[in-house]
Protein backbone atom coordinates (compact mmCIF):
# COMPACT_ATOMS: atom_id res chain seq x y z
CA MET A 1 2.04 14.07 -11.70
CA GLU A 2 -0.85 13.97 -9.20
CA LYS A 3 -0.04 14.09 -5.52
CA LEU A 4 -0.81 10.93 -3.63
CA ASP A 5 -2.94 12.87 -1.14
CA ASP A 6 -5.32 13.62 -4.03
CA ARG A 7 -5.66 9.90 -4.81
CA ASN A 8 -6.09 8.14 -1.46
CA ASP A 9 -8.97 6.24 -2.99
CA MET A 10 -6.57 4.52 -5.40
CA PRO A 11 -7.10 0.75 -5.21
CA TYR A 12 -4.29 -1.28 -3.65
CA GLU A 13 -3.63 -3.15 -6.88
CA GLN A 14 -3.26 0.08 -8.84
CA ALA A 15 -0.89 1.52 -6.24
CA MET A 16 1.25 -1.64 -6.35
CA ALA A 17 1.36 -1.56 -10.17
CA GLU A 18 2.46 2.07 -10.10
CA LEU A 19 5.05 1.28 -7.44
CA GLU A 20 6.47 -1.49 -9.64
CA SER A 21 6.65 0.99 -12.50
CA VAL A 22 8.49 3.51 -10.31
CA VAL A 23 10.98 0.85 -9.19
CA ASN A 24 11.60 -0.19 -12.80
CA LEU A 25 12.25 3.42 -13.81
CA LEU A 26 14.66 3.91 -10.93
CA GLU A 27 16.48 0.66 -11.69
CA SER A 28 16.84 1.56 -15.37
CA GLY A 29 19.28 4.35 -14.56
CA ASP A 30 17.85 6.48 -17.38
CA LEU A 31 16.54 9.26 -15.13
CA THR A 32 18.32 12.43 -14.16
CA LEU A 33 19.16 12.93 -10.50
CA ASP A 34 16.23 15.31 -10.07
CA GLU A 35 13.83 12.89 -11.79
CA SER A 36 15.18 10.04 -9.66
CA ILE A 37 14.52 11.97 -6.45
CA LYS A 38 10.95 12.75 -7.58
CA MET A 39 10.37 9.09 -8.47
CA PHE A 40 11.83 7.99 -5.15
CA GLU A 41 9.46 10.35 -3.31
CA ARG A 42 6.56 8.98 -5.32
CA GLY A 43 7.63 5.43 -4.48
CA VAL A 44 7.78 6.20 -0.76
CA SER A 45 4.29 7.72 -0.93
CA LEU A 46 2.98 4.64 -2.71
CA VAL A 47 4.57 2.32 -0.15
CA ARG A 48 2.92 4.29 2.64
CA LEU A 49 -0.44 4.11 0.88
CA CYS A 50 -0.13 0.36 0.34
CA ASN A 51 0.88 -0.19 3.97
CA LYS A 52 -2.09 1.86 5.18
CA LYS A 53 -4.47 -0.10 2.99
CA LEU A 54 -3.04 -3.41 4.25
CA ASP A 55 -3.33 -2.22 7.87
CA ASP A 56 -6.95 -1.23 7.26
CA ILE A 57 -7.71 -4.62 5.74
CA GLU A 58 -6.05 -6.39 8.67
CA LYS A 59 -8.25 -4.41 11.08
CA ARG A 60 -11.36 -5.34 9.11
CA ILE A 61 -10.41 -9.02 9.15
CA THR A 62 -9.81 -8.85 12.89
CA LEU A 63 -13.23 -7.30 13.43
CA ILE A 64 -14.91 -9.92 11.27
CA ILE A 65 -13.18 -12.78 13.10
CA GLU A 66 -13.81 -11.29 16.55
CA GLY A 67 -17.47 -10.78 15.92
CA LYS A 68 -19.58 -8.09 17.45
CA ASP A 69 -19.33 -9.08 21.12
CA SER A 70 -15.92 -10.77 21.38
CA GLU A 71 -13.13 -9.16 23.39
CA THR A 72 -10.13 -11.24 22.27
CA GLU A 73 -8.20 -10.73 19.08
CA LYS A 74 -7.42 -13.79 16.97
CA ASP A 75 -4.65 -14.08 14.41
CA PHE A 76 -5.79 -14.51 10.84
CA ASP A 77 -5.63 -18.18 9.90
CA PRO A 78 -6.55 -18.95 6.29
CA GLU A 79 -6.85 -22.65 7.14
CA GLY A 80 -9.51 -21.92 9.74
CA LEU A 81 -11.97 -20.40 7.29
């Protein structure tokens, strides 16, 4: 299995799909204890990657909304677009 550090360019959607797969495997109860621990570690890494990607996207949205010269941060409002 590839380490997550080697795949930081993985798209968010792919990371979420793999995370769902990991959760399903863990919930099945068919893994050995050692396999479960490895899957759990993989899941934690995927959660961290997804959270980082979401944080990065939030920062980009904030910059877009603020504009180049604005000093105040505005909350994202999908109704205001």
